[in-house]
C-alpha atoms as a PDB file:
ATOM      1  CA  MET A   1     -33.793 -53.820-198.590  1.00  0.00           C
ATOM      2  CA  SER A   2     -30.157 -53.550-199.502  1.00  0.00           C
ATOM      3  CA  GLU A   3     -30.542 -54.484-203.167  1.00  0.00           C
ATOM      4  CA  SER A   4     -32.703 -52.626-205.657  1.00  0.00           C
ATOM      5  CA  VAL A   5     -35.342 -54.727-207.386  1.00  0.00           C
ATOM      6  CA  HIS A   6     -36.545 -53.651-210.803  1.00  0.00           C
ATOM      7  CA  PHE A   7     -40.244 -53.444-211.630  1.00  0.00           C
ATOM      8  CA  GLY A   8     -39.939 -56.044-214.386  1.00  0.00           C
ATOM      9  CA  GLU A   9     -38.339 -58.482-211.966  1.00  0.00           C
ATOM     10  CA  VAL A  10     -41.190 -57.996-209.525  1.00  0.00           C
ATOM     11  CA  LEU A  11     -43.718 -58.658-212.291  1.00  0.00           C
ATOM     12  CA  GLU A  12     -41.886 -61.798-213.358  1.00  0.00           C
ATOM     13  CA  ALA A  13     -41.803 -63.020-209.761  1.00  0.00           C
ATOM     14  CA  ALA A  14     -45.514 -62.281-209.358  1.00  0.00           C
ATOM     15  CA  ASP A  15     -46.233 -64.386-212.441  1.00  0.00           C
ATOM     16  CA  GLN A  16     -44.822 -67.371-210.556  1.00  0.00           C
ATOM     17  CA  LEU A  17     -47.358 -67.020-207.725  1.00  0.00           C
ATOM     18  CA  SER A  18     -50.602 -68.951-207.463  1.00  0.00           C
ATOM     19  CA  VAL A  19     -53.872 -67.075-207.944  1.00  0.00           C
ATOM     20  CA  ASP A  20     -54.434 -67.037-204.172  1.00  0.00           C
ATOM     21  CA  GLU A  21     -50.937 -65.665-203.583  1.00  0.00           C
ATOM     22  CA  LYS A  22     -51.458 -62.987-206.239  1.00  0.00           C
ATOM     23  CA  GLU A  23     -54.706 -61.928-204.568  1.00  0.00           C
ATOM     24  CA  GLU A  24     -52.977 -61.752-201.184  1.00  0.00           C
ATOM     25  CA  LEU A  25     -50.119 -59.740-202.706  1.00  0.00           C
ATOM     26  CA  ILE A  26     -52.625 -57.284-204.157  1.00  0.00           C
ATOM     27  CA  ALA A  27     -54.370 -56.964-200.779  1.00  0.00           C
ATOM     28  CA  ILE A  28     -51.060 -56.339-199.017  1.00  0.00           C
ATOM     29  CA  LEU A  29     -50.012 -53.708-201.572  1.00  0.00           C
ATOM     30  CA  ARG A  30     -53.379 -51.934-201.265  1.00  0.00           C
ATOM     31  CA  ARG A  31     -53.031 -51.811-197.469  1.00  0.00           C
ATOM     32  CA  ARG A  32     -49.487 -50.483-197.765  1.00  0.00           C
ATOM     33  CA  LEU A  33     -50.561 -47.825-200.277  1.00  0.00           C
ATOM     34  CA  ALA A  34     -53.398 -46.767-197.980  1.00  0.00           C
ATOM     35  CA  GLU A  35     -50.994 -46.500-195.041  1.00  0.00           C
ATOM     36  CA  GLU A  36     -48.538 -44.493-197.140  1.00  0.00           C
ATOM     37  CA  GLY A  37     -51.369 -42.154-198.105  1.00  0.00           C
ATOM     38  CA  ARG A  38     -52.339 -41.709-194.456  1.00  0.00           C
ATOM     39  CA  ARG A  39     -48.725 -40.890-193.552  1.00  0.00           C
ATOM     40  CA  ARG A  40     -48.623 -38.261-196.322  1.00  0.00           C
ATOM     41  CA  VAL A  41     -51.853 -36.675-195.084  1.00  0.00           C
ATOM     42  CA  ILE A  42     -50.540 -36.611-191.516  1.00  0.00           C
ATOM     43  CA  ALA A  43     -47.301 -34.978-192.661  1.00  0.00           C
ATOM     44  CA  ASP A  44     -49.257 -32.381-194.665  1.00  0.00           C
ATOM     45  CA  VAL A  45     -51.479 -31.589-191.693  1.00  0.00           C
ATOM     46  CA  GLU A  46     -48.479 -31.259-189.380  1.00  0.00           C
ATOM     47  CA  GLU A  47     -46.745 -28.940-191.865  1.00  0.00           C
ATOM     48  CA  ALA A  48     -49.899 -26.845-192.219  1.00  0.00           C
ATOM     49  CA  GLY A  49     -50.135 -26.599-188.429  1.00  0.00           C
ATOM     50  CA  LYS A  50     -46.539 -25.358-188.233  1.00  0.00           C
ATOM     51  CA  GLU A  51     -47.204 -22.790-190.963  1.00  0.00           C
ATOM     52  CA  PHE A  52     -50.350 -21.626-189.162  1.00  0.00           C
ATOM     53  CA  LYS A  53     -48.532 -21.259-185.843  1.00  0.00           C
ATOM     54  CA  ALA A  54     -45.755 -19.335-187.575  1.00  0.00           C
ATOM     55  CA  GLY A  55     -48.303 -16.928-189.051  1.00  0.00           C
ATOM     56  CA  ALA A  56     -47.517 -18.013-192.601  1.00  0.00           C
ATOM     57  CA  CYS A  57     -51.186 -18.588-193.453  1.00  0.00           C
ATOM     58  CA  LYS A  58     -53.788 -16.071-194.478  1.00  0.00           C
ATOM     59  CA  ALA A  59     -57.541 -16.308-194.671  1.00  0.00           C
ATOM     60  CA  VAL A  60     -58.928 -16.589-198.193  1.00  0.00           C
ATOM     61  CA  SER A  61     -62.374 -16.926-199.694  1.00  0.00           C
ATOM     62  CA  VAL A  62     -63.549 -20.104-201.376  1.00  0.00           C
ATOM     63  CA  ASP A  63     -63.292 -18.356-204.757  1.00  0.00           C
ATOM     64  CA  GLU A  64     -59.673 -17.356-204.080  1.00  0.00           C
ATOM     65  CA  LEU A  65     -58.833 -20.879-202.975  1.00  0.00           C
ATOM     66  CA  MET A  66     -60.413 -22.405-206.075  1.00  0.00           C
ATOM     67  CA  ARG A  67     -58.492 -19.986-208.334  1.00  0.00           C
ATOM     68  CA  GLU A  68     -55.245 -20.930-206.602  1.00  0.00           C
ATOM     69  CA  ILE A  69     -55.995 -24.645-207.009  1.00  0.00           C
ATOM     70  CA  GLN A  70     -56.840 -24.237-210.680  1.00  0.00           C
ATOM     71  CA  ASP A  71     -53.676 -22.201-211.340  1.00  0.00           C
ATOM     72  CA  ASN A  72     -51.485 -24.989-209.940  1.00  0.00           C
END
């Protein structure tokens, strides 16, 4: 897309759709969000694999991991 579309413009355009079209738009956006989430997970897993192969990972206990999660 060469031109930026503002959120408000998208909402206004969506208001012009029929109920069926709005439902289809929602379904399409949900599928796209799910796919984007899968791509993020794949990228995270690949990065973790690279870090592991490079020796940048260390074994930790569940308690240590939970503390680290809670601190962030």
